[in-house]
N, C-alpha and C. Protein backbone atom coordinates (compact mmCIF):
# COMPACT_ATOMS: atom_id res chain seq x y z
N MET A 1 -30.44 -120.57 -134.16
CA MET A 1 -30.32 -121.13 -135.49
C MET A 1 -31.41 -122.19 -135.68
N ASP A 2 -32.10 -122.12 -136.78
CA ASP A 2 -33.17 -123.08 -137.00
C ASP A 2 -32.64 -124.35 -137.69
N PHE A 3 -33.52 -125.28 -137.90
CA PHE A 3 -33.16 -126.58 -138.46
C PHE A 3 -32.50 -126.46 -139.83
N LEU A 4 -33.05 -125.61 -140.69
CA LEU A 4 -32.49 -125.48 -142.04
C LEU A 4 -31.08 -124.90 -142.01
N GLU A 5 -30.83 -123.97 -141.11
CA GLU A 5 -29.48 -123.43 -140.96
C GLU A 5 -28.51 -124.50 -140.51
N GLU A 6 -28.93 -125.32 -139.56
CA GLU A 6 -28.08 -126.41 -139.09
C GLU A 6 -27.82 -127.41 -140.22
N LEU A 7 -28.86 -127.73 -140.98
CA LEU A 7 -28.70 -128.65 -142.11
C LEU A 7 -27.73 -128.08 -143.13
N PHE A 8 -27.87 -126.81 -143.46
CA PHE A 8 -26.94 -126.19 -144.42
C PHE A 8 -25.51 -126.26 -143.90
N ASP A 9 -25.31 -125.93 -142.63
CA ASP A 9 -23.96 -125.96 -142.08
C ASP A 9 -23.36 -127.36 -142.15
N LEU A 10 -24.16 -128.39 -141.90
CA LEU A 10 -23.66 -129.77 -142.00
C LEU A 10 -23.30 -130.11 -143.45
N LEU A 11 -24.16 -129.74 -144.38
CA LEU A 11 -23.90 -130.04 -145.79
C LEU A 11 -22.73 -129.24 -146.33
N TRP A 12 -22.55 -128.01 -145.87
CA TRP A 12 -21.46 -127.13 -146.32
C TRP A 12 -20.11 -127.73 -145.95
N GLN A 13 -20.09 -128.49 -144.85
CA GLN A 13 -18.83 -129.05 -144.35
C GLN A 13 -18.55 -130.45 -144.88
N GLU A 14 -19.39 -130.94 -145.80
CA GLU A 14 -19.16 -132.27 -146.37
C GLU A 14 -17.80 -132.32 -147.05
N PRO A 15 -17.20 -133.52 -147.10
CA PRO A 15 -15.90 -133.63 -147.78
C PRO A 15 -16.01 -133.31 -149.28
N THR A 16 -14.90 -132.87 -149.83
CA THR A 16 -14.84 -132.55 -151.25
C THR A 16 -15.03 -133.81 -152.08
N PRO A 17 -15.83 -133.74 -153.14
CA PRO A 17 -15.99 -134.92 -154.00
C PRO A 17 -14.66 -135.34 -154.62
N LYS A 18 -14.52 -136.60 -154.93
CA LYS A 18 -13.28 -137.11 -155.50
C LYS A 18 -13.49 -137.67 -156.91
N THR A 19 -14.56 -137.25 -157.57
CA THR A 19 -14.82 -137.74 -158.92
C THR A 19 -13.80 -137.15 -159.88
N GLU A 20 -13.56 -137.84 -160.98
CA GLU A 20 -12.60 -137.37 -161.97
C GLU A 20 -13.03 -136.02 -162.54
N GLU A 21 -14.31 -135.88 -162.83
CA GLU A 21 -14.82 -134.63 -163.39
C GLU A 21 -14.58 -133.46 -162.43
N TYR A 22 -14.86 -133.68 -161.15
CA TYR A 22 -14.68 -132.62 -160.17
C TYR A 22 -13.21 -132.24 -160.06
N LEU A 23 -12.33 -133.23 -159.98
CA LEU A 23 -10.90 -132.96 -159.83
C LEU A 23 -10.33 -132.24 -161.04
N GLU A 24 -10.78 -132.62 -162.25
CA GLU A 24 -10.33 -131.93 -163.46
C GLU A 24 -10.79 -130.47 -163.46
N ASN A 25 -12.04 -130.26 -163.07
CA ASN A 25 -12.59 -128.91 -163.03
C ASN A 25 -11.85 -128.06 -162.02
N ARG A 26 -11.56 -128.63 -160.85
CA ARG A 26 -10.84 -127.89 -159.82
C ARG A 26 -9.43 -127.54 -160.27
N GLU A 27 -8.78 -128.48 -160.97
CA GLU A 27 -7.43 -128.23 -161.47
C GLU A 27 -7.44 -127.09 -162.49
N LEU A 28 -8.42 -127.08 -163.38
CA LEU A 28 -8.55 -126.01 -164.36
C LEU A 28 -8.81 -124.68 -163.66
N ARG A 29 -9.71 -124.68 -162.68
CA ARG A 29 -10.01 -123.46 -161.93
C ARG A 29 -8.75 -122.93 -161.25
N ASP A 30 -7.98 -123.82 -160.66
CA ASP A 30 -6.76 -123.40 -159.96
C ASP A 30 -5.74 -122.80 -160.93
N LYS A 31 -5.60 -123.40 -162.11
CA LYS A 31 -4.66 -122.87 -163.11
C LYS A 31 -5.09 -121.48 -163.57
N LEU A 32 -6.39 -121.32 -163.84
CA LEU A 32 -6.89 -120.02 -164.25
C LEU A 32 -6.73 -118.99 -163.12
N GLY A 33 -6.97 -119.42 -161.90
CA GLY A 33 -6.79 -118.53 -160.76
C GLY A 33 -5.36 -118.05 -160.63
N ASP A 34 -4.41 -118.96 -160.88
CA ASP A 34 -2.99 -118.59 -160.82
C ASP A 34 -2.66 -117.55 -161.88
N LYS A 35 -3.22 -117.70 -163.09
CA LYS A 35 -2.97 -116.74 -164.16
C LYS A 35 -3.57 -115.37 -163.82
N ILE A 36 -4.76 -115.39 -163.26
CA ILE A 36 -5.40 -114.13 -162.87
C ILE A 36 -4.60 -113.45 -161.77
N GLU A 37 -4.16 -114.24 -160.79
CA GLU A 37 -3.37 -113.68 -159.68
C GLU A 37 -2.08 -113.06 -160.19
N ALA A 38 -1.44 -113.70 -161.16
CA ALA A 38 -0.20 -113.16 -161.72
C ALA A 38 -0.48 -111.83 -162.42
N ALA A 39 -1.67 -111.69 -163.00
CA ALA A 39 -1.99 -110.46 -163.73
C ALA A 39 -2.43 -109.33 -162.80
N VAL A 40 -3.18 -109.65 -161.74
CA VAL A 40 -3.76 -108.58 -160.91
C VAL A 40 -3.08 -108.42 -159.55
N GLY A 41 -2.31 -109.39 -159.15
CA GLY A 41 -1.63 -109.31 -157.86
C GLY A 41 -2.36 -110.09 -156.77
N THR A 42 -1.60 -110.44 -155.75
CA THR A 42 -2.13 -111.27 -154.66
C THR A 42 -3.20 -110.56 -153.85
N GLU A 43 -2.99 -109.28 -153.57
CA GLU A 43 -3.94 -108.54 -152.72
C GLU A 43 -5.33 -108.50 -153.36
N LEU A 44 -5.39 -108.13 -154.63
CA LEU A 44 -6.68 -108.07 -155.32
C LEU A 44 -7.29 -109.45 -155.45
N MET A 45 -6.46 -110.46 -155.72
CA MET A 45 -6.97 -111.82 -155.85
C MET A 45 -7.55 -112.31 -154.52
N ASP A 46 -6.90 -112.01 -153.42
CA ASP A 46 -7.42 -112.40 -152.10
C ASP A 46 -8.78 -111.76 -151.84
N LYS A 47 -8.92 -110.49 -152.20
CA LYS A 47 -10.21 -109.81 -152.02
C LYS A 47 -11.28 -110.46 -152.89
N PHE A 48 -10.92 -110.79 -154.12
CA PHE A 48 -11.87 -111.45 -155.02
C PHE A 48 -12.30 -112.80 -154.47
N ILE A 49 -11.36 -113.59 -154.00
CA ILE A 49 -11.67 -114.92 -153.47
C ILE A 49 -12.59 -114.81 -152.26
N ASP A 50 -12.31 -113.87 -151.36
CA ASP A 50 -13.18 -113.67 -150.20
C ASP A 50 -14.60 -113.32 -150.62
N ALA A 51 -14.72 -112.39 -151.56
CA ALA A 51 -16.05 -111.99 -152.04
C ALA A 51 -16.74 -113.15 -152.75
N HIS A 52 -15.98 -113.92 -153.52
CA HIS A 52 -16.55 -115.05 -154.25
C HIS A 52 -17.10 -116.11 -153.29
N TRP A 53 -16.36 -116.44 -152.24
CA TRP A 53 -16.81 -117.45 -151.29
C TRP A 53 -18.05 -116.97 -150.53
N GLU A 54 -18.09 -115.70 -150.20
CA GLU A 54 -19.27 -115.16 -149.53
C GLU A 54 -20.49 -115.27 -150.45
N TYR A 55 -20.29 -114.92 -151.71
CA TYR A 55 -21.36 -115.04 -152.70
C TYR A 55 -21.80 -116.50 -152.87
N MET A 56 -20.84 -117.40 -152.96
CA MET A 56 -21.17 -118.82 -153.15
C MET A 56 -21.96 -119.37 -151.96
N GLU A 57 -21.63 -118.96 -150.76
CA GLU A 57 -22.38 -119.43 -149.59
C GLU A 57 -23.82 -118.94 -149.64
N ILE A 58 -24.01 -117.69 -150.01
CA ILE A 58 -25.37 -117.15 -150.13
C ILE A 58 -26.15 -117.91 -151.19
N GLU A 59 -25.52 -118.14 -152.34
CA GLU A 59 -26.20 -118.87 -153.42
C GLU A 59 -26.51 -120.31 -153.01
N CYS A 60 -25.58 -120.97 -152.36
CA CYS A 60 -25.81 -122.36 -151.94
C CYS A 60 -26.95 -122.45 -150.92
N ARG A 61 -27.03 -121.49 -150.02
CA ARG A 61 -28.15 -121.46 -149.08
C ARG A 61 -29.47 -121.32 -149.85
N ARG A 62 -29.48 -120.46 -150.86
CA ARG A 62 -30.69 -120.26 -151.66
C ARG A 62 -31.04 -121.54 -152.43
N TYR A 63 -30.04 -122.21 -153.00
CA TYR A 63 -30.29 -123.46 -153.72
C TYR A 63 -30.88 -124.52 -152.80
N LEU A 64 -30.35 -124.62 -151.58
CA LEU A 64 -30.87 -125.60 -150.63
C LEU A 64 -32.33 -125.31 -150.30
N LEU A 65 -32.63 -124.07 -149.99
CA LEU A 65 -34.01 -123.70 -149.65
C LEU A 65 -34.96 -123.93 -150.82
N ASN A 66 -34.51 -123.58 -152.03
CA ASN A 66 -35.35 -123.82 -153.20
C ASN A 66 -35.57 -125.32 -153.43
N GLY A 67 -34.56 -126.12 -153.20
CA GLY A 67 -34.69 -127.57 -153.34
C GLY A 67 -35.66 -128.15 -152.32
N ILE A 68 -35.60 -127.65 -151.10
CA ILE A 68 -36.53 -128.11 -150.07
C ILE A 68 -37.95 -127.69 -150.42
N ARG A 69 -38.11 -126.45 -150.88
CA ARG A 69 -39.45 -126.00 -151.30
C ARG A 69 -39.99 -126.87 -152.44
N LEU A 70 -39.15 -127.18 -153.41
CA LEU A 70 -39.57 -128.02 -154.52
C LEU A 70 -39.98 -129.40 -154.01
N GLY A 71 -39.19 -129.97 -153.12
CA GLY A 71 -39.51 -131.28 -152.56
C GLY A 71 -40.84 -131.28 -151.84
N ILE A 72 -41.10 -130.24 -151.09
CA ILE A 72 -42.38 -130.14 -150.38
C ILE A 72 -43.54 -130.02 -151.37
N GLU A 73 -43.36 -129.21 -152.41
CA GLU A 73 -44.40 -129.07 -153.42
C GLU A 73 -44.65 -130.40 -154.13
N LEU A 74 -43.60 -131.15 -154.42
CA LEU A 74 -43.78 -132.45 -155.07
C LEU A 74 -44.50 -133.43 -154.17
N LEU A 75 -44.26 -133.35 -152.87
CA LEU A 75 -44.95 -134.23 -151.93
C LEU A 75 -46.44 -133.91 -151.88
N ARG A 76 -46.80 -132.66 -152.18
CA ARG A 76 -48.20 -132.26 -152.16
C ARG A 76 -48.97 -132.77 -153.36
N LEU A 77 -48.27 -133.18 -154.41
CA LEU A 77 -48.97 -133.64 -155.64
C LEU A 77 -49.73 -134.92 -155.43
């Protein structure tokens, strides 16, 4: 594992933010998730959540790498 992978893993494990905006958004997401689960069932919802988290990890890795690339380019200016 290279340095960027280790950095991502450390950042991925950071504690959840406790801002009011974040908590409100999470509460809304959870309520909507409950409604979707009631409509489609637990099994399908579990599959969706697993796929969603896998997708989010891939996207977050890409965002981190793009941010590092941007920072390096800005340092070159």
